Every structure is written in structure tokens, then in C-alpha cells.
Amino acid sequence: MQIARTGSREISITGNIKTTDDYLAIRRMAQDLVEEGVTAITFLIDASLSMPSSVIGYFVKLVKRDKIALRMVIEDPRLLELLEELGLKDAFGAVGKTA
């Protein structure tokens, strides 16, 4: 997985999100934005078909406890479907990536 901050409140993730290091990188980058005072974060997620429970849990914390509005633009429809099945699509502001 590769991760980069691509805007003042935007994070781009490319590749499968699967390891503890991936989770830590996502958490670290998102937490930096929270500490800067942002109230909304957009995640651009390309080429990942799943998301580990640790990352899902962190995103739930951002939304519920930290009151951060999330928006996720997701390339792989399987990941979007997973979030929908878990009832998190709306909470995470998840939408499919359009060409």
C-alpha cells in the first residue's frame, strides 16, 4: 500500500490495505490532519478490495468520537459493497469512483 497526503484535507491510498503497518500509516496521516484542526477528510482509495477491521474501527472512531466528516472515493466496487454490507457506506461518505 502507498499513502500520500494529496490536499489540505485529502489522503490518497493506492494498493491493498492489509497490514498493521498500513493501518498505522493511515492512522498517523489522518491524525496529523485532525491535530491541524480539520473537520472533514477525504480518502481516495484505489486498487484496494478490502479493509482490515483495525482501519474500519479507526474510521468509526474518527466519525463517532472525533466528529470528523469522512468522504471516501473508492475505485473497487467490492470494497464499496463491503462497506454497504457493514452498514458503514453512509457513515463513511463512501462513493464509487467515476471514470
Foldseek 3Di string as FASTA:
>chain_A
DDWDADDLAEIEAEAAQDDPVSLVVVLVVNVVSVVVPAQEHEYEYYHYLAHDPSNVVVLCCCCPVVVRAAAYAYADVNHCVVCVVVVNCVSRNYDYHDD
